[in-house]
C-alpha atoms as a PDB file:
ATOM      1  CA  UNK A   1      18.951  -2.556  22.423  1.00  0.00           C
ATOM      2  CA  UNK A   2      16.910  -5.181  23.595  1.00  0.00           C
ATOM      3  CA  UNK A   3      20.030  -7.219  25.312  1.00  0.00           C
ATOM      4  CA  UNK A   4      22.375  -5.936  26.477  1.00  0.00           C
ATOM      5  CA  UNK A   5      24.662  -8.696  27.282  1.00  0.00           C
ATOM      6  CA  UNK A   6      24.450 -10.048  24.573  1.00  0.00           C
ATOM      7  CA  UNK A   7      25.830  -6.237  23.240  1.00  0.00           C
ATOM      8  CA  UNK A   8      28.434  -6.315  25.690  1.00  0.00           C
ATOM      9  CA  UNK A   9      29.956 -10.360  24.863  1.00  0.00           C
ATOM     10  CA  UNK A  10      29.487  -9.384  20.890  1.00  0.00           C
ATOM     11  CA  UNK A  11      31.849  -6.475  21.497  1.00  0.00           C
ATOM     12  CA  UNK A  12      34.127  -8.562  23.542  1.00  0.00           C
ATOM     13  CA  UNK A  13      34.379 -10.664  20.577  1.00  0.00           C
ATOM     14  CA  UNK A  14      34.665  -8.060  17.700  1.00  0.00           C
ATOM     15  CA  UNK A  15      37.729  -6.643  19.605  1.00  0.00           C
ATOM     16  CA  UNK A  16      39.302  -9.342  20.952  1.00  0.00           C
ATOM     17  CA  UNK A  17      39.593 -10.187  16.994  1.00  0.00           C
ATOM     18  CA  UNK A  18      40.326  -6.896  15.502  1.00  0.00           C
ATOM     19  CA  UNK A  19      43.193  -7.250  18.393  1.00  0.00           C
ATOM     20  CA  UNK A  20      42.436  -4.037  19.828  1.00  0.00           C
ATOM     21  CA  UNK A  21      43.612  -2.679  22.341  1.00  0.00           C
ATOM     22  CA  UNK A  22      40.509  -1.820  24.628  1.00  0.00           C
ATOM     23  CA  UNK A  23      36.829  -1.108  23.832  1.00  0.00           C
ATOM     24  CA  UNK A  24      34.197   1.122  25.650  1.00  0.00           C
ATOM     25  CA  UNK A  25      29.928   0.328  25.848  1.00  0.00           C
ATOM     26  CA  UNK A  26      27.780   1.641  28.639  1.00  0.00           C
ATOM     27  CA  UNK A  27      27.401   0.614  32.071  1.00  0.00           C
ATOM     28  CA  UNK A  28      25.999  -1.523  34.403  1.00  0.00           C
ATOM     29  CA  UNK A  29      26.035  -2.933  37.555  1.00  0.00           C
ATOM     30  CA  UNK A  30      25.472  -6.263  35.854  1.00  0.00           C
ATOM     31  CA  UNK A  31      27.882  -5.907  33.218  1.00  0.00           C
ATOM     32  CA  UNK A  32      30.583  -5.009  35.921  1.00  0.00           C
ATOM     33  CA  UNK A  33      29.573  -7.825  37.759  1.00  0.00           C
ATOM     34  CA  UNK A  34      29.562 -10.126  34.014  1.00  0.00           C
ATOM     35  CA  UNK A  35      33.738  -8.140  33.573  1.00  0.00           C
ATOM     36  CA  UNK A  36      34.494  -8.767  37.238  1.00  0.00           C
ATOM     37  CA  UNK A  37      34.302 -12.757  36.406  1.00  0.00           C
ATOM     38  CA  UNK A  38      36.212 -12.886  33.422  1.00  0.00           C
ATOM     39  CA  UNK A  39      39.134 -10.455  35.390  1.00  0.00           C
ATOM     40  CA  UNK A  40      39.384 -12.937  38.399  1.00  0.00           C
ATOM     41  CA  UNK A  41      39.217 -16.023  35.355  1.00  0.00           C
ATOM     42  CA  UNK A  42      41.975 -14.501  33.564  1.00  0.00           C
ATOM     43  CA  UNK A  43      39.903 -13.431  30.101  1.00  0.00           C
ATOM     44  CA  UNK A  44      40.473  -9.461  30.115  1.00  0.00           C
ATOM     45  CA  UNK A  45      43.907  -7.790  31.391  1.00  0.00           C
ATOM     46  CA  UNK A  46      41.825  -5.047  33.046  1.00  0.00           C
ATOM     47  CA  UNK A  47      39.033  -2.967  33.735  1.00  0.00           C
ATOM     48  CA  UNK A  48      37.889   0.199  34.848  1.00  0.00           C
ATOM     49  CA  UNK A  49      34.255   2.714  35.283  1.00  0.00           C
ATOM     50  CA  UNK A  50      33.846   5.666  34.348  1.00  0.00           C
ATOM     51  CA  UNK A  51      32.300   8.236  33.431  1.00  0.00           C
ATOM     52  CA  UNK A  52      31.909  11.496  30.234  1.00  0.00           C
ATOM     53  CA  UNK A  53      29.475  14.031  30.265  1.00  0.00           C
ATOM     54  CA  UNK A  54      27.819  12.317  33.052  1.00  0.00           C
ATOM     55  CA  UNK A  55      27.142   8.647  31.523  1.00  0.00           C
ATOM     56  CA  UNK A  56      28.861   6.235  33.222  1.00  0.00           C
ATOM     57  CA  UNK A  57      30.918   3.705  30.699  1.00  0.00           C
ATOM     58  CA  UNK A  58      33.783   1.087  31.108  1.00  0.00           C
ATOM     59  CA  UNK A  59      36.970   0.073  29.575  1.00  0.00           C
ATOM     60  CA  UNK A  60      37.936  -3.282  28.647  1.00  0.00           C
ATOM     61  CA  UNK A  61      41.518  -3.629  28.458  1.00  0.00           C
ATOM     62  CA  UNK A  62      42.573  -6.790  26.587  1.00  0.00           C
ATOM     63  CA  UNK A  63      44.653  -9.825  26.956  1.00  0.00           C
ATOM     64  CA  UNK A  64      46.931 -11.376  23.800  1.00  0.00           C
ATOM     65  CA  UNK A  65      49.182 -14.305  24.692  1.00  0.00           C
ATOM     66  CA  UNK A  66      52.348 -13.639  24.103  1.00  0.00           C
ATOM     67  CA  UNK A  67      52.028 -14.366  19.848  1.00  0.00           C
ATOM     68  CA  UNK A  68      49.432 -12.027  19.602  1.00  0.00           C
ATOM     69  CA  UNK A  69      46.708 -14.030  19.558  1.00  0.00           C
ATOM     70  CA  UNK A  70      43.007 -14.160  21.470  1.00  0.00           C
ATOM     71  CA  UNK A  71      42.803 -15.214  25.186  1.00  0.00           C
ATOM     72  CA  UNK A  72      39.315 -14.880  23.970  1.00  0.00           C
ATOM     73  CA  UNK A  73      38.235 -17.807  22.043  1.00  0.00           C
ATOM     74  CA  UNK A  74      34.771 -18.231  22.569  1.00  0.00           C
ATOM     75  CA  UNK A  75      31.032 -16.057  24.357  1.00  0.00           C
ATOM     76  CA  UNK A  76      28.081 -17.606  23.474  1.00  0.00           C
ATOM     77  CA  UNK A  77      24.794 -16.211  24.596  1.00  0.00           C
ATOM     78  CA  UNK A  78      23.287 -18.875  26.365  1.00  0.00           C
ATOM     79  CA  UNK A  79      19.637 -17.081  28.120  1.00  0.00           C
ATOM     80  CA  UNK A  80      17.857 -14.684  26.444  1.00  0.00           C
ATOM     81  CA  UNK A  81      15.249 -13.199  26.590  1.00  0.00           C
ATOM     82  CA  UNK A  82      13.062 -15.089  23.381  1.00  0.00           C
ATOM     83  CA  UNK A  83      13.894 -18.473  25.965  1.00  0.00           C
ATOM     84  CA  UNK A  84      15.577 -17.992  30.130  1.00  0.00           C
ATOM     85  CA  UNK A  85      17.835 -21.258  30.633  1.00  0.00           C
ATOM     86  CA  UNK A  86      17.263 -22.308  33.818  1.00  0.00           C
ATOM     87  CA  UNK A  87      19.706 -25.072  35.794  1.00  0.00           C
ATOM     88  CA  UNK A  88      19.235 -26.505  39.258  1.00  0.00           C
ATOM     89  CA  UNK A  89      22.921 -27.332  40.669  1.00  0.00           C
ATOM     90  CA  UNK A  90      23.249 -31.188  40.704  1.00  0.00           C
ATOM     91  CA  UNK A  91      23.379 -29.453  36.175  1.00  0.00           C
ATOM     92  CA  UNK A  92      27.709 -28.136  37.430  1.00  0.00           C
ATOM     93  CA  UNK A  93      30.125 -29.742  37.679  1.00  0.00           C
ATOM     94  CA  UNK A  94      32.913 -29.344  39.677  1.00  0.00           C
ATOM     95  CA  UNK A  95      35.886 -28.881  36.590  1.00  0.00           C
ATOM     96  CA  UNK A  96      32.627 -27.896  34.223  1.00  0.00           C
ATOM     97  CA  UNK A  97      34.072 -28.650  30.744  1.00  0.00           C
ATOM     98  CA  UNK A  98      36.720 -28.433  29.384  1.00  0.00           C
ATOM     99  CA  UNK A  99      38.323 -24.638  29.100  1.00  0.00           C
ATOM    100  CA  UNK A 100      34.628 -24.382  29.604  1.00  0.00           C
ATOM    101  CA  UNK A 101      33.284 -21.539  32.204  1.00  0.00           C
ATOM    102  CA  UNK A 102      29.119 -20.902  32.234  1.00  0.00           C
ATOM    103  CA  UNK A 103      28.255 -17.693  34.181  1.00  0.00           C
ATOM    104  CA  UNK A 104      24.914 -17.832  36.350  1.00  0.00           C
ATOM    105  CA  UNK A 105      22.574 -16.125  37.783  1.00  0.00           C
ATOM    106  CA  UNK A 106      21.983 -16.505  41.345  1.00  0.00           C
ATOM    107  CA  UNK A 107      20.445 -15.341  44.121  1.00  0.00           C
ATOM    108  CA  UNK A 108      23.764 -15.260  45.673  1.00  0.00           C
ATOM    109  CA  UNK A 109      24.444 -13.083  42.846  1.00  0.00           C
ATOM    110  CA  UNK A 110      26.483 -13.346  39.261  1.00  0.00           C
ATOM    111  CA  UNK A 111      28.410 -16.773  39.514  1.00  0.00           C
ATOM    112  CA  UNK A 112      30.843 -19.167  37.873  1.00  0.00           C
ATOM    113  CA  UNK A 113      29.491 -22.743  37.713  1.00  0.00           C
ATOM    114  CA  UNK A 114      32.081 -24.204  39.795  1.00  0.00           C
ATOM    115  CA  UNK A 115      31.386 -21.226  42.220  1.00  0.00           C
ATOM    116  CA  UNK A 116      27.312 -21.817  42.200  1.00  0.00           C
ATOM    117  CA  UNK A 117      27.784 -25.881  42.070  1.00  0.00           C
ATOM    118  CA  UNK A 118      30.531 -24.541  45.933  1.00  0.00           C
ATOM    119  CA  UNK A 119      27.492 -23.205  47.043  1.00  0.00           C
ATOM    120  CA  UNK A 120      24.966 -25.329  45.609  1.00  0.00           C
ATOM    121  CA  UNK A 121      22.864 -22.857  44.284  1.00  0.00           C
ATOM    122  CA  UNK A 122      21.156 -23.244  41.195  1.00  0.00           C
ATOM    123  CA  UNK A 123      20.462 -20.305  38.516  1.00  0.00           C
ATOM    124  CA  UNK A 124      20.049 -18.739  35.117  1.00  0.00           C
ATOM    125  CA  UNK A 125      22.503 -19.442  32.852  1.00  0.00           C
ATOM    126  CA  UNK A 126      23.283 -15.641  30.839  1.00  0.00           C
ATOM    127  CA  UNK A 127      27.043 -17.160  29.221  1.00  0.00           C
ATOM    128  CA  UNK A 128      29.277 -19.531  28.514  1.00  0.00           C
ATOM    129  CA  UNK A 129      32.939 -18.597  27.683  1.00  0.00           C
ATOM    130  CA  UNK A 130      36.686 -20.359  26.146  1.00  0.00           C
END
């Protein structure tokens, strides 16, 4: 697999479209950090890091609106292995676009665009969430 972040986003998007209750995927520290942000921002209900046969995996419990509508409207990979996208902190606004959240890899760890703006750090823009 060349791009594990893309794999994470595609699995969440596909499971959400199919109205699955949960989705499993191989674990890594970067994936857990991204999922922690998704939980903090209210895009997923919960997650657990588990182990089976010596291999760690993440179980993500998806969240839906009361009428079974998806909470995750869009997941988009911005920076990818073939084209890295970096932005200074000034490129992030205090509020961001309407409902859109960027996940940024900074020297202070993974942050949302609002957190990166407040901390005055730029970095690689990994993905956009709606």
